[in-house]
Amino acid sequence: MNKVILMGRLTRDPEIRYSQGASQTAVGRFTIAVDRRFKREGQPEADFFNCTTFNRQSEFVEKYLHRGTKVVVVGSIQNNNYTNNNGEKVYSVQVIVDEIEFAESKSASQGYNGADAPMEQAPAPSAASGDGFINIEDGIEDELPF
């Protein structure tokens, strides 16, 4: 069985190309950065995976995904080994995407600035009134997840 599930952020905007010939096939390529679960000093904090989509998924990727978007990718791993012009063997791996889903809301994605800086937080509720309830500022209901 060859199945992989990854969650990470796009490192750059997706690149979409169309094959030539009678039936054009859309091919999408993008890279996601997946944070490592356990981080050791001196080691990278994330791994980068090249992903490839085809046809309708490529059109979806082109339309809705951009640098910084957090996604969940389900697919299979494929070797892309070749010999370059210098005669050296190059080893490469790519993820052939079967399914792709957003891993956060659109507003959260837009708040991500590509760095490790925290995103804007919702305003904190004001102090408790004398009756034991917390006063909630107007307009905060729009930001509640339920």
Protein backbone atom coordinates (compact mmCIF):
# COMPACT_ATOMS: atom_id res chain seq x y z
CA MET A 1 0.00 0.00 0.00
CA ASN A 2 1.30 3.43 -0.95
CA LYS A 3 -0.65 6.19 0.82
CA VAL A 4 0.49 9.40 2.44
CA ILE A 5 -1.42 12.09 4.36
CA LEU A 6 0.32 15.43 4.86
CA MET A 7 -0.74 18.74 6.38
CA GLY A 8 1.25 21.84 5.65
CA ARG A 9 1.43 25.26 4.04
CA LEU A 10 2.17 26.06 0.42
CA THR A 11 5.62 27.57 0.09
CA ARG A 12 4.76 29.43 -3.11
CA ASP A 13 1.84 29.92 -5.49
CA PRO A 14 0.98 26.76 -7.47
CA GLU A 15 2.31 26.42 -11.01
CA ILE A 16 -0.23 25.11 -13.54
CA ARG A 17 0.65 23.95 -17.04
CA TYR A 18 -1.35 22.28 -19.77
CA SER A 19 -0.12 19.33 -21.81
CA GLN A 20 -0.09 19.65 -25.57
CA GLY A 21 -2.14 17.54 -27.93
CA ALA A 22 -5.78 16.84 -28.70
CA SER A 23 -6.86 16.39 -25.08
CA GLN A 24 -5.07 18.92 -22.90
CA THR A 25 -4.38 17.81 -19.35
CA ALA A 26 -3.91 20.37 -16.58
CA VAL A 27 -0.89 19.57 -14.40
CA GLY A 28 -0.45 21.47 -11.14
CA ARG A 29 2.73 21.59 -9.10
CA PHE A 30 3.28 23.07 -5.67
CA THR A 31 5.38 22.47 -2.58
CA ILE A 32 4.12 22.21 0.98
CA ALA A 33 6.14 22.70 4.15
CA VAL A 34 5.22 20.18 6.84
CA ASP A 35 6.37 20.95 10.39
CA ARG A 36 8.32 18.17 12.06
CA ARG A 37 6.69 16.75 15.16
CA PHE A 38 9.93 16.55 17.13
CA LYS A 39 12.55 19.23 16.57
CA ARG A 40 16.20 18.77 17.40
CA GLU A 41 18.72 21.55 17.68
CA GLY A 42 20.56 22.08 14.42
CA GLN A 43 18.00 20.09 12.43
CA PRO A 44 15.40 21.53 10.05
CA GLU A 45 12.02 22.34 11.61
CA ALA A 46 10.05 21.37 8.50
CA ASP A 47 10.18 19.02 5.54
CA PHE A 48 9.27 20.16 2.03
CA PHE A 49 7.25 17.93 -0.29
CA ASN A 50 6.70 18.46 -4.01
CA CYS A 51 3.08 17.74 -4.92
CA THR A 52 1.49 17.14 -8.34
CA THR A 53 -2.19 17.32 -9.29
CA PHE A 54 -3.99 16.56 -12.53
CA ASN A 55 -7.07 17.82 -14.41
CA ARG A 56 -9.87 19.24 -12.23
CA GLN A 57 -7.75 19.22 -9.08
CA SER A 58 -5.17 21.35 -10.88
CA GLU A 59 -7.86 23.85 -11.81
CA PHE A 60 -9.04 23.90 -8.16
CA VAL A 61 -5.47 24.44 -6.95
CA GLU A 62 -4.94 27.27 -9.44
CA LYS A 63 -8.17 29.01 -8.44
CA TYR A 64 -8.19 28.66 -4.65
CA LEU A 65 -4.68 28.00 -3.31
CA HIS A 66 -1.82 30.44 -2.86
CA ARG A 67 1.38 30.81 -0.86
CA GLY A 68 0.70 30.27 2.85
CA THR A 69 -2.55 28.33 2.44
CA LYS A 70 -2.73 25.43 4.90
CA VAL A 71 -3.95 22.22 3.26
CA VAL A 72 -4.32 18.50 3.90
CA VAL A 73 -3.08 16.36 1.02
CA VAL A 74 -3.86 12.67 0.55
CA GLY A 75 -2.01 10.79 -2.17
CA SER A 76 0.79 8.42 -3.03
CA ILE A 77 4.56 8.81 -3.15
CA GLN A 78 6.36 8.36 -6.44
CA ASN A 79 10.08 8.27 -7.19
CA ASN A 80 11.34 10.69 -9.82
CA ASN A 81 14.92 9.49 -10.21
CA TYR A 82 16.90 10.53 -13.29
CA THR A 83 20.42 11.12 -14.57
CA ASN A 84 21.29 14.78 -15.17
CA ASN A 85 23.44 16.26 -17.95
CA ASN A 86 26.61 15.68 -15.90
CA GLY A 87 25.87 11.95 -15.67
CA GLU A 88 25.01 12.18 -11.96
CA LYS A 89 22.07 10.25 -10.55
CA VAL A 90 19.47 12.60 -9.04
CA TYR A 91 17.00 11.21 -6.51
CA SER A 92 13.67 12.94 -6.13
CA VAL A 93 10.30 12.11 -4.61
CA GLN A 94 6.91 13.65 -5.35
CA VAL A 95 3.42 13.24 -3.94
CA ILE A 96 0.74 12.45 -6.52
CA VAL A 97 -2.33 14.09 -4.99
CA ASP A 98 -5.60 12.12 -4.86
CA GLU A 99 -7.44 14.45 -2.46
CA ILE A 100 -6.83 17.97 -1.20
CA GLU A 101 -8.70 19.94 1.47
CA PHE A 102 -8.34 23.25 3.24
CA ALA A 103 -6.94 22.87 6.76
CA GLU A 104 -8.08 26.26 8.06
CA SER A 105 -10.63 28.96 7.39
CA LYS A 106 -10.14 31.57 4.70
CA SER A 107 -9.80 34.35 7.28
CA ALA A 108 -7.13 32.41 9.19
CA SER A 109 -5.25 31.77 5.97
CA GLN A 110 -5.31 35.47 5.06
CA GLY A 111 -3.93 36.33 8.50
CA TYR A 112 -0.90 34.09 7.95
CA ASN A 113 2.05 36.19 6.88
CA GLY A 114 4.45 33.38 6.00
CA ALA A 115 6.54 33.76 9.14
CA ASP A 116 6.33 32.27 12.58
CA ALA A 117 4.68 35.44 13.87
CA PRO A 118 1.39 34.84 15.67
CA MET A 119 -1.79 35.72 13.86
CA GLU A 120 -4.06 38.49 15.07
CA GLN A 121 -6.11 37.40 18.03
CA ALA A 122 -9.76 38.25 18.60
CA PRO A 123 -10.23 41.01 21.16
CA ALA A 124 -10.41 39.74 24.71
CA PRO A 125 -13.77 40.01 26.48
CA SER A 126 -14.06 42.91 28.89
CA ALA A 127 -13.99 42.38 32.64
CA ALA A 128 -16.82 40.57 34.44
CA SER A 129 -19.79 42.61 35.50
CA GLY A 130 -21.17 42.38 39.03
CA ASP A 131 -23.66 39.60 38.12
CA GLY A 132 -20.97 36.96 37.38
CA PHE A 133 -21.26 37.19 33.58
CA ILE A 134 -18.59 38.46 31.20
CA ASN A 135 -19.48 41.38 28.97
CA ILE A 136 -18.80 40.54 25.32
CA GLU A 137 -17.99 43.34 22.92
CA ASP A 138 -20.32 43.97 19.97
CA GLY A 139 -19.40 42.23 16.73
CA ILE A 140 -17.38 39.41 18.29
CA GLU A 141 -20.15 36.90 17.49
CA ASP A 142 -19.00 36.95 13.84
CA GLU A 143 -15.65 35.50 14.89
CA LEU A 144 -17.01 32.60 16.95
CA PRO A 145 -16.42 29.19 15.31
CA PHE A 146 -19.92 27.86 16.12
